[in-house]
Amino acid sequence: MPPSQQPLFTDEDCNLPSQERFDLLERLQISLGDTPPHFWAACHLCDVQKLALLVQTAELNPNIVCIAAGQTYTMVASCKMRTIGLNYNT
């Protein structure tokens, strides 16, 4: 589609998951099984192309992605602390 005919916003821009994201999340669930809710929240918000890469990695070696999934709690906690003004890095 020429740039002039592309929509300014997609459903993804308005926080409505695309069918592509749903399909990727389903493949990821099959590859990983049970993972922390923080991980799934990050997957719902991340870039679709990066999510596709994550799914490919999980299908090849789920253990690598499970290790990263276990670290998402600290990522969320860090973001929360910054929004309320608690930054331990300063």
PDB file of N, CA and C in Angstrom:
ATOM      1  N   MET A   1       0.859  -1.177   0.000  1.00  0.00           N
ATOM      2  CA  MET A   1       0.000   0.000   0.000  1.00  0.00           C
ATOM      3  C   MET A   1       0.899   1.232   0.000  1.00  0.00           C
ATOM      4  N   PRO A   2       0.649   2.181  -0.895  1.00  0.00           N
ATOM      5  CA  PRO A   2       1.448   3.407  -0.922  1.00  0.00           C
ATOM      6  C   PRO A   2       1.312   4.175   0.392  1.00  0.00           C
ATOM      7  N   PRO A   3       2.373   4.899   0.792  1.00  0.00           N
ATOM      8  CA  PRO A   3       2.324   5.644   2.055  1.00  0.00           C
ATOM      9  C   PRO A   3       1.131   6.567   2.179  1.00  0.00           C
ATOM     10  N   SER A   4       0.694   7.150   1.071  1.00  0.00           N
ATOM     11  CA  SER A   4      -0.426   8.086   1.140  1.00  0.00           C
ATOM     12  C   SER A   4      -1.747   7.388   1.473  1.00  0.00           C
ATOM     13  N   GLN A   5      -1.824   6.072   1.260  1.00  0.00           N
ATOM     14  CA  GLN A   5      -3.053   5.338   1.534  1.00  0.00           C
ATOM     15  C   GLN A   5      -2.998   4.549   2.838  1.00  0.00           C
ATOM     16  N   GLN A   6      -1.854   4.547   3.513  1.00  0.00           N
ATOM     17  CA  GLN A   6      -1.748   3.834   4.776  1.00  0.00           C
ATOM     18  C   GLN A   6      -2.472   4.599   5.868  1.00  0.00           C
ATOM     19  N   PRO A   7      -3.164   3.883   6.737  1.00  0.00           N
ATOM     20  CA  PRO A   7      -3.873   4.576   7.830  1.00  0.00           C
ATOM     21  C   PRO A   7      -2.884   5.241   8.780  1.00  0.00           C
ATOM     22  N   LEU A   8      -3.296   6.347   9.360  1.00  0.00           N
ATOM     23  CA  LEU A   8      -2.442   7.043  10.318  1.00  0.00           C
ATOM     24  C   LEU A   8      -2.261   6.219  11.587  1.00  0.00           C
ATOM     25  N   PHE A   9      -3.326   5.537  12.002  1.00  0.00           N
ATOM     26  CA  PHE A   9      -3.283   4.728  13.207  1.00  0.00           C
ATOM     27  C   PHE A   9      -3.811   3.343  12.892  1.00  0.00           C
ATOM     28  N   THR A  10      -3.240   2.358  13.544  1.00  0.00           N
ATOM     29  CA  THR A  10      -3.747   0.994  13.432  1.00  0.00           C
ATOM     30  C   THR A  10      -4.425   0.629  14.754  1.00  0.00           C
ATOM     31  N   ASP A  11      -5.086  -0.503  14.776  1.00  0.00           N
ATOM     32  CA  ASP A  11      -5.697  -0.965  16.029  1.00  0.00           C
ATOM     33  C   ASP A  11      -4.642  -1.108  17.117  1.00  0.00           C
ATOM     34  N   GLU A  12      -3.438  -1.556  16.731  1.00  0.00           N
ATOM     35  CA  GLU A  12      -2.346  -1.716  17.698  1.00  0.00           C
ATOM     36  C   GLU A  12      -2.016  -0.377  18.363  1.00  0.00           C
ATOM     37  N   ASP A  13      -2.075   0.713  17.610  1.00  0.00           N
ATOM     38  CA  ASP A  13      -1.785   2.029  18.166  1.00  0.00           C
ATOM     39  C   ASP A  13      -2.824   2.448  19.204  1.00  0.00           C
ATOM     40  N   CYS A  14      -4.003   1.883  19.103  1.00  0.00           N
ATOM     41  CA  CYS A  14      -5.099   2.222  20.024  1.00  0.00           C
ATOM     42  C   CYS A  14      -5.296   1.139  21.081  1.00  0.00           C
ATOM     43  N   ASN A  15      -4.248   0.330  21.301  1.00  0.00           N
ATOM     44  CA  ASN A  15      -4.248  -0.712  22.323  1.00  0.00           C
ATOM     45  C   ASN A  15      -5.285  -1.801  22.058  1.00  0.00           C
ATOM     46  N   LEU A  16      -5.554  -2.065  20.779  1.00  0.00           N
ATOM     47  CA  LEU A  16      -6.420  -3.177  20.389  1.00  0.00           C
ATOM     48  C   LEU A  16      -5.535  -4.199  19.677  1.00  0.00           C
ATOM     49  N   PRO A  17      -5.277  -5.354  20.298  1.00  0.00           N
ATOM     50  CA  PRO A  17      -4.356  -6.329  19.715  1.00  0.00           C
ATOM     51  C   PRO A  17      -4.803  -6.805  18.339  1.00  0.00           C
ATOM     52  N   SER A  18      -3.849  -6.900  17.446  1.00  0.00           N
ATOM     53  CA  SER A  18      -4.122  -7.394  16.103  1.00  0.00           C
ATOM     54  C   SER A  18      -4.212  -8.915  16.119  1.00  0.00           C
ATOM     55  N   GLN A  19      -4.746  -9.472  15.048  1.00  0.00           N
ATOM     56  CA  GLN A  19      -4.802 -10.927  14.928  1.00  0.00           C
ATOM     57  C   GLN A  19      -3.391 -11.503  14.911  1.00  0.00           C
ATOM     58  N   GLU A  20      -2.458 -10.781  14.309  1.00  0.00           N
ATOM     59  CA  GLU A  20      -1.069 -11.230  14.290  1.00  0.00           C
ATOM     60  C   GLU A  20      -0.522 -11.371  15.719  1.00  0.00           C
ATOM     61  N   ARG A  21      -0.801 -10.388  16.575  1.00  0.00           N
ATOM     62  CA  ARG A  21      -0.340 -10.457  17.971  1.00  0.00           C
ATOM     63  C   ARG A  21      -0.991 -11.638  18.691  1.00  0.00           C
ATOM     64  N   PHE A  22      -2.299 -11.840  18.488  1.00  0.00           N
ATOM     65  CA  PHE A  22      -2.974 -12.979  19.113  1.00  0.00           C
ATOM     66  C   PHE A  22      -2.330 -14.299  18.687  1.00  0.00           C
ATOM     67  N   ASP A  23      -2.041 -14.418  17.395  1.00  0.00           N
ATOM     68  CA  ASP A  23      -1.428 -15.647  16.890  1.00  0.00           C
ATOM     69  C   ASP A  23      -0.038 -15.862  17.486  1.00  0.00           C
ATOM     70  N   LEU A  24       0.734 -14.793  17.578  1.00  0.00           N
ATOM     71  CA  LEU A  24       2.072 -14.899  18.169  1.00  0.00           C
ATOM     72  C   LEU A  24       2.002 -15.266  19.642  1.00  0.00           C
ATOM     73  N   LEU A  25       1.081 -14.670  20.368  1.00  0.00           N
ATOM     74  CA  LEU A  25       0.920 -14.977  21.792  1.00  0.00           C
ATOM     75  C   LEU A  25       0.493 -16.430  22.000  1.00  0.00           C
ATOM     76  N   GLU A  26      -0.348 -16.925  21.120  1.00  0.00           N
ATOM     77  CA  GLU A  26      -0.767 -18.322  21.216  1.00  0.00           C
ATOM     78  C   GLU A  26       0.416 -19.262  20.976  1.00  0.00           C
ATOM     79  N   ARG A  27       1.223 -18.965  19.970  1.00  0.00           N
ATOM     80  CA  ARG A  27       2.417 -19.778  19.705  1.00  0.00           C
ATOM     81  C   ARG A  27       3.379 -19.734  20.891  1.00  0.00           C
ATOM     82  N   LEU A  28       3.512 -18.557  21.492  1.00  0.00           N
ATOM     83  CA  LEU A  28       4.394 -18.402  22.642  1.00  0.00           C
ATOM     84  C   LEU A  28       3.877 -19.210  23.832  1.00  0.00           C
ATOM     85  N   GLN A  29       2.579 -19.187  24.059  1.00  0.00           N
ATOM     86  CA  GLN A  29       1.965 -19.973  25.139  1.00  0.00           C
ATOM     87  C   GLN A  29       2.232 -21.461  24.930  1.00  0.00           C
ATOM     88  N   ILE A  30       2.122 -21.917  23.716  1.00  0.00           N
ATOM     89  CA  ILE A  30       2.367 -23.331  23.413  1.00  0.00           C
ATOM     90  C   ILE A  30       3.829 -23.683  23.689  1.00  0.00           C
ATOM     91  N   SER A  31       4.740 -22.795  23.329  1.00  0.00           N
ATOM     92  CA  SER A  31       6.173 -23.057  23.509  1.00  0.00           C
ATOM     93  C   SER A  31       6.607 -22.993  24.968  1.00  0.00           C
ATOM     94  N   LEU A  32       6.037 -22.062  25.728  1.00  0.00           N
ATOM     95  CA  LEU A  32       6.530 -21.815  27.084  1.00  0.00           C
ATOM     96  C   LEU A  32       5.679 -22.421  28.190  1.00  0.00           C
ATOM     97  N   GLY A  33       4.402 -22.533  27.966  1.00  0.00           N
ATOM     98  CA  GLY A  33       3.530 -22.976  29.049  1.00  0.00           C
ATOM     99  C   GLY A  33       3.306 -21.854  30.038  1.00  0.00           C
ATOM    100  N   ASP A  34       3.351 -22.186  31.319  1.00  0.00           N
ATOM    101  CA  ASP A  34       3.044 -21.227  32.377  1.00  0.00           C
ATOM    102  C   ASP A  34       4.225 -20.292  32.630  1.00  0.00           C
ATOM    103  N   THR A  35       3.983 -19.001  32.539  1.00  0.00           N
ATOM    104  CA  THR A  35       4.997 -17.975  32.825  1.00  0.00           C
ATOM    105  C   THR A  35       4.343 -16.867  33.657  1.00  0.00           C
ATOM    106  N   PRO A  36       5.149 -16.003  34.286  1.00  0.00           N
ATOM    107  CA  PRO A  36       4.586 -14.952  35.146  1.00  0.00           C
ATOM    108  C   PRO A  36       3.685 -13.973  34.379  1.00  0.00           C
ATOM    109  N   PRO A  37       2.680 -13.442  35.047  1.00  0.00           N
ATOM    110  CA  PRO A  37       1.778 -12.490  34.393  1.00  0.00           C
ATOM    111  C   PRO A  37       2.497 -11.228  33.905  1.00  0.00           C
ATOM    112  N   HIS A  38       3.580 -10.847  34.577  1.00  0.00           N
ATOM    113  CA  HIS A  38       4.333  -9.667  34.137  1.00  0.00           C
ATOM    114  C   HIS A  38       4.905  -9.877  32.738  1.00  0.00           C
ATOM    115  N   PHE A  39       5.304 -11.096  32.449  1.00  0.00           N
ATOM    116  CA  PHE A  39       5.844 -11.430  31.135  1.00  0.00           C
ATOM    117  C   PHE A  39       4.775 -11.251  30.063  1.00  0.00           C
ATOM    118  N   TRP A  40       3.572 -11.755  30.341  1.00  0.00           N
ATOM    119  CA  TRP A  40       2.486 -11.633  29.361  1.00  0.00           C
ATOM    120  C   TRP A  40       2.086 -10.166  29.159  1.00  0.00           C
ATOM    121  N   ALA A  41       2.132  -9.390  30.215  1.00  0.00           N
ATOM    122  CA  ALA A  41       1.832  -7.961  30.075  1.00  0.00           C
ATOM    123  C   ALA A  41       2.832  -7.296  29.139  1.00  0.00           C
ATOM    124  N   ALA A  42       4.110  -7.623  29.306  1.00  0.00           N
ATOM    125  CA  ALA A  42       5.139  -7.057  28.432  1.00  0.00           C
ATOM    126  C   ALA A  42       4.928  -7.503  26.989  1.00  0.00           C
ATOM    127  N   CYS A  43       4.526  -8.754  26.797  1.00  0.00           N
ATOM    128  CA  CYS A  43       4.284  -9.266  25.445  1.00  0.00           C
ATOM    129  C   CYS A  43       3.099  -8.579  24.781  1.00  0.00           C
ATOM    130  N   HIS A  44       2.123  -8.175  25.570  1.00  0.00           N
ATOM    131  CA  HIS A  44       0.959  -7.474  25.013  1.00  0.00           C
ATOM    132  C   HIS A  44       1.312  -6.048  24.598  1.00  0.00           C
ATOM    133  N   LEU A  45       2.362  -5.493  25.169  1.00  0.00           N
ATOM    134  CA  LEU A  45       2.729  -4.104  24.892  1.00  0.00           C
ATOM    135  C   LEU A  45       3.894  -3.944  23.922  1.00  0.00           C
ATOM    136  N   CYS A  46       4.679  -4.985  23.746  1.00  0.00           N
ATOM    137  CA  CYS A  46       5.899  -4.835  22.948  1.00  0.00           C
ATOM    138  C   CYS A  46       5.606  -4.740  21.452  1.00  0.00           C
ATOM    139  N   ASP A  47       6.613  -4.343  20.724  1.00  0.00           N
ATOM    140  CA  ASP A  47       6.554  -4.239  19.267  1.00  0.00           C
ATOM    141  C   ASP A  47       6.267  -5.617  18.658  1.00  0.00           C
ATOM    142  N   VAL A  48       5.394  -5.689  17.668  1.00  0.00           N
ATOM    143  CA  VAL A  48       4.987  -6.972  17.085  1.00  0.00           C
ATOM    144  C   VAL A  48       6.170  -7.686  16.431  1.00  0.00           C
ATOM    145  N   GLN A  49       7.057  -6.950  15.770  1.00  0.00           N
ATOM    146  CA  GLN A  49       8.219  -7.580  15.138  1.00  0.00           C
ATOM    147  C   GLN A  49       9.151  -8.184  16.192  1.00  0.00           C
ATOM    148  N   LYS A  50       9.316  -7.499  17.315  1.00  0.00           N
ATOM    149  CA  LYS A  50      10.144  -8.032  18.408  1.00  0.00           C
ATOM    150  C   LYS A  50       9.470  -9.246  19.039  1.00  0.00           C
ATOM    151  N   LEU A  51       8.153  -9.206  19.134  1.00  0.00           N
ATOM    152  CA  LEU A  51       7.418 -10.345  19.662  1.00  0.00           C
ATOM    153  C   LEU A  51       7.591 -11.560  18.753  1.00  0.00           C
ATOM    154  N   ALA A  52       7.565 -11.343  17.452  1.00  0.00           N
ATOM    155  CA  ALA A  52       7.771 -12.442  16.499  1.00  0.00           C
ATOM    156  C   ALA A  52       9.154 -13.063  16.682  1.00  0.00           C
ATOM    157  N   LEU A  53      10.160 -12.231  16.903  1.00  0.00           N
ATOM    158  CA  LEU A  53      11.511 -12.725  17.151  1.00  0.00           C
ATOM    159  C   LEU A  53      11.568 -13.520  18.458  1.00  0.00           C
ATOM    160  N   LEU A  54      10.875 -13.038  19.480  1.00  0.00           N
ATOM    161  CA  LEU A  54      10.821 -13.741  20.756  1.00  0.00           C
ATOM    162  C   LEU A  54      10.161 -15.111  20.598  1.00  0.00           C
ATOM    163  N   VAL A  55       9.100 -15.167  19.811  1.00  0.00           N
ATOM    164  CA  VAL A  55       8.399 -16.432  19.564  1.00  0.00           C
ATOM    165  C   VAL A  55       9.321 -17.406  18.838  1.00  0.00           C
ATOM    166  N   GLN A  56      10.045 -16.924  17.837  1.00  0.00           N
ATOM    167  CA  GLN A  56      10.990 -17.792  17.115  1.00  0.00           C
ATOM    168  C   GLN A  56      12.042 -18.346  18.073  1.00  0.00           C
ATOM    169  N   THR A  57      12.545 -17.498  18.955  1.00  0.00           N
ATOM    170  CA  THR A  57      13.538 -17.936  19.940  1.00  0.00           C
ATOM    171  C   THR A  57      12.943 -18.970  20.873  1.00  0.00           C
ATOM    172  N   ALA A  58      11.721 -18.736  21.338  1.00  0.00           N
ATOM    173  CA  ALA A  58      11.058 -19.668  22.259  1.00  0.00           C
ATOM    174  C   ALA A  58      10.807 -21.016  21.598  1.00  0.00           C
ATOM    175  N   GLU A  59      10.506 -21.002  20.319  1.00  0.00           N
ATOM    176  CA  GLU A  59      10.267 -22.264  19.622  1.00  0.00           C
ATOM    177  C   GLU A  59      11.562 -23.060  19.447  1.00  0.00           C
ATOM    178  N   LEU A  60      12.691 -22.364  19.343  1.00  0.00           N
ATOM    179  CA  LEU A  60      13.986 -23.039  19.219  1.00  0.00           C
ATOM    180  C   LEU A  60      14.538 -23.473  20.574  1.00  0.00           C
ATOM    181  N   ASN A  61      14.422 -22.600  21.576  1.00  0.00           N
ATOM    182  CA  ASN A  61      14.957 -22.895  22.897  1.00  0.00           C
ATOM    183  C   ASN A  61      14.115 -22.193  23.963  1.00  0.00           C
ATOM    184  N   PRO A  62      13.059 -22.839  24.431  1.00  0.00           N
ATOM    185  CA  PRO A  62      12.159 -22.201  25.404  1.00  0.00           C
ATOM    186  C   PRO A  62      12.846 -21.817  26.715  1.00  0.00           C
ATOM    187  N   ASN A  63      13.905 -22.528  27.090  1.00  0.00           N
ATOM    188  CA  ASN A  63      14.576 -22.220  28.361  1.00  0.00           C
ATOM    189  C   ASN A  63      15.144 -20.809  28.385  1.00  0.00           C
ATOM    190  N   ILE A  64      15.668 -20.353  27.256  1.00  0.00           N
ATOM    191  CA  ILE A  64      16.232 -18.995  27.193  1.00  0.00           C
ATOM    192  C   ILE A  64      15.144 -17.961  27.471  1.00  0.00           C
ATOM    193  N   VAL A  65      14.003 -18.124  26.851  1.00  0.00           N
ATOM    194  CA  VAL A  65      12.913 -17.163  27.024  1.00  0.00           C
ATOM    195  C   VAL A  65      12.318 -17.277  28.432  1.00  0.00           C
ATOM    196  N   CYS A  66      12.272 -18.460  28.995  1.00  0.00           N
ATOM    197  CA  CYS A  66      11.762 -18.625  30.366  1.00  0.00           C
ATOM    198  C   CYS A  66      12.637 -17.881  31.370  1.00  0.00           C
ATOM    199  N   ILE A  67      13.944 -17.881  31.141  1.00  0.00           N
ATOM    200  CA  ILE A  67      14.834 -17.126  32.029  1.00  0.00           C
ATOM    201  C   ILE A  67      14.505 -15.637  31.950  1.00  0.00           C
ATOM    202  N   ALA A  68      14.329 -15.136  30.743  1.00  0.00           N
ATOM    203  CA  ALA A  68      13.970 -13.720  30.571  1.00  0.00           C
ATOM    204  C   ALA A  68      12.594 -13.430  31.173  1.00  0.00           C
ATOM    205  N   ALA A  69      11.670 -14.361  31.014  1.00  0.00           N
ATOM    206  CA  ALA A  69      10.316 -14.174  31.553  1.00  0.00           C
ATOM    207  C   ALA A  69      10.348 -14.034  33.067  1.00  0.00           C
ATOM    208  N   GLY A  70      11.238 -14.758  33.698  1.00  0.00           N
ATOM    209  CA  GLY A  70      11.352 -14.665  35.149  1.00  0.00           C
ATOM    210  C   GLY A  70      11.876 -13.331  35.637  1.00  0.00           C
ATOM    211  N   GLN A  71      12.503 -12.577  34.754  1.00  0.00           N
ATOM    212  CA  GLN A  71      13.058 -11.277  35.128  1.00  0.00           C
ATOM    213  C   GLN A  71      12.098 -10.116  34.894  1.00  0.00           C
ATOM    214  N   THR A  72      10.949 -10.373  34.320  1.00  0.00           N
ATOM    215  CA  THR A  72      10.033  -9.271  34.003  1.00  0.00           C
ATOM    216  C   THR A  72       9.464  -8.603  35.247  1.00  0.00           C
ATOM    217  N   TYR A  73       9.419  -9.322  36.367  1.00  0.00           N
ATOM    218  CA  TYR A  73       8.920  -8.704  37.595  1.00  0.00           C
ATOM    219  C   TYR A  73       9.778  -7.502  37.980  1.00  0.00           C
ATOM    220  N   THR A  74      11.101  -7.650  37.895  1.00  0.00           N
ATOM    221  CA  THR A  74      11.983  -6.535  38.262  1.00  0.00           C
ATOM    222  C   THR A  74      11.826  -5.373  37.284  1.00  0.00           C
ATOM    223  N   MET A  75      11.549  -5.689  36.023  1.00  0.00           N
ATOM    224  CA  MET A  75      11.327  -4.637  35.028  1.00  0.00           C
ATOM    225  C   MET A  75      10.087  -3.822  35.412  1.00  0.00           C
ATOM    226  N   VAL A  76       9.013  -4.505  35.734  1.00  0.00           N
ATOM    227  CA  VAL A  76       7.767  -3.824  36.104  1.00  0.00           C
ATOM    228  C   VAL A  76       7.944  -3.059  37.405  1.00  0.00           C
ATOM    229  N   ALA A  77       8.612  -3.666  38.372  1.00  0.00           N
ATOM    230  CA  ALA A  77       8.841  -2.992  39.655  1.00  0.00           C
ATOM    231  C   ALA A  77       9.655  -1.721  39.456  1.00  0.00           C
ATOM    232  N   SER A  78      10.638  -1.782  38.598  1.00  0.00           N
ATOM    233  CA  SER A  78      11.468  -0.611  38.324  1.00  0.00           C
ATOM    234  C   SER A  78      10.637   0.508  37.685  1.00  0.00           C
ATOM    235  N   CYS A  79       9.787   0.144  36.753  1.00  0.00           N
ATOM    236  CA  CYS A  79       8.931   1.153  36.114  1.00  0.00           C
ATOM    237  C   CYS A  79       7.979   1.770  37.119  1.00  0.00           C
ATOM    238  N   LYS A  80       7.409   0.952  38.005  1.00  0.00           N
ATOM    239  CA  LYS A  80       6.487   1.457  39.021  1.00  0.00           C
ATOM    240  C   LYS A  80       7.187   2.415  39.974  1.00  0.00           C
ATOM    241  N   MET A  81       8.396   2.062  40.396  1.00  0.00           N
ATOM    242  CA  MET A  81       9.119   2.914  41.340  1.00  0.00           C
ATOM    243  C   MET A  81       9.431   4.267  40.711  1.00  0.00           C
ATOM    244  N   ARG A  82       9.756   4.273  39.438  1.00  0.00           N
ATOM    245  CA  ARG A  82      10.062   5.547  38.774  1.00  0.00           C
ATOM    246  C   ARG A  82       8.831   6.419  38.649  1.00  0.00           C
ATOM    247  N   THR A  83       7.664   5.809  38.425  1.00  0.00           N
ATOM    248  CA  THR A  83       6.458   6.621  38.259  1.00  0.00           C
ATOM    249  C   THR A  83       6.002   7.247  39.566  1.00  0.00           C
ATOM    250  N   ILE A  84       6.378   6.621  40.691  1.00  0.00           N
ATOM    251  CA  ILE A  84       5.987   7.224  41.974  1.00  0.00           C
ATOM    252  C   ILE A  84       7.147   7.983  42.609  1.00  0.00           C
ATOM    253  N   GLY A  85       8.249   8.116  41.866  1.00  0.00           N
ATOM    254  CA  GLY A  85       9.372   8.937  42.339  1.00  0.00           C
ATOM    255  C   GLY A  85      10.424   8.205  43.135  1.00  0.00           C
ATOM    256  N   LEU A  86      10.411   6.893  43.156  1.00  0.00           N
ATOM    257  CA  LEU A  86      11.431   6.121  43.876  1.00  0.00           C
ATOM    258  C   LEU A  86      12.407   5.548  42.871  1.00  0.00           C
ATOM    259  N   ASN A  87      13.552   6.131  42.786  1.00  0.00           N
ATOM    260  CA  ASN A  87      14.567   5.635  41.862  1.00  0.00           C
ATOM    261  C   ASN A  87      15.808   5.309  42.665  1.00  0.00           C
ATOM    262  N   TYR A  88      16.076   4.040  42.811  1.00  0.00           N
ATOM    263  CA  TYR A  88      17.226   3.598  43.621  1.00  0.00           C
ATOM    264  C   TYR A  88      18.548   3.712  42.887  1.00  0.00           C
ATOM    265  N   ASN A  89      18.540   4.073  41.612  1.00  0.00           N
ATOM    266  CA  ASN A  89      19.762   4.170  40.826  1.00  0.00           C
ATOM    267  C   ASN A  89      20.449   5.529  40.988  1.00  0.00           C
ATOM    268  N   THR A  90      19.853   6.447  41.696  1.00  0.00           N
ATOM    269  CA  THR A  90      20.468   7.773  41.834  1.00  0.00           C
ATOM    270  C   THR A  90      21.163   7.916  43.152  1.00  0.00           C
TER     271      THR A  90
END
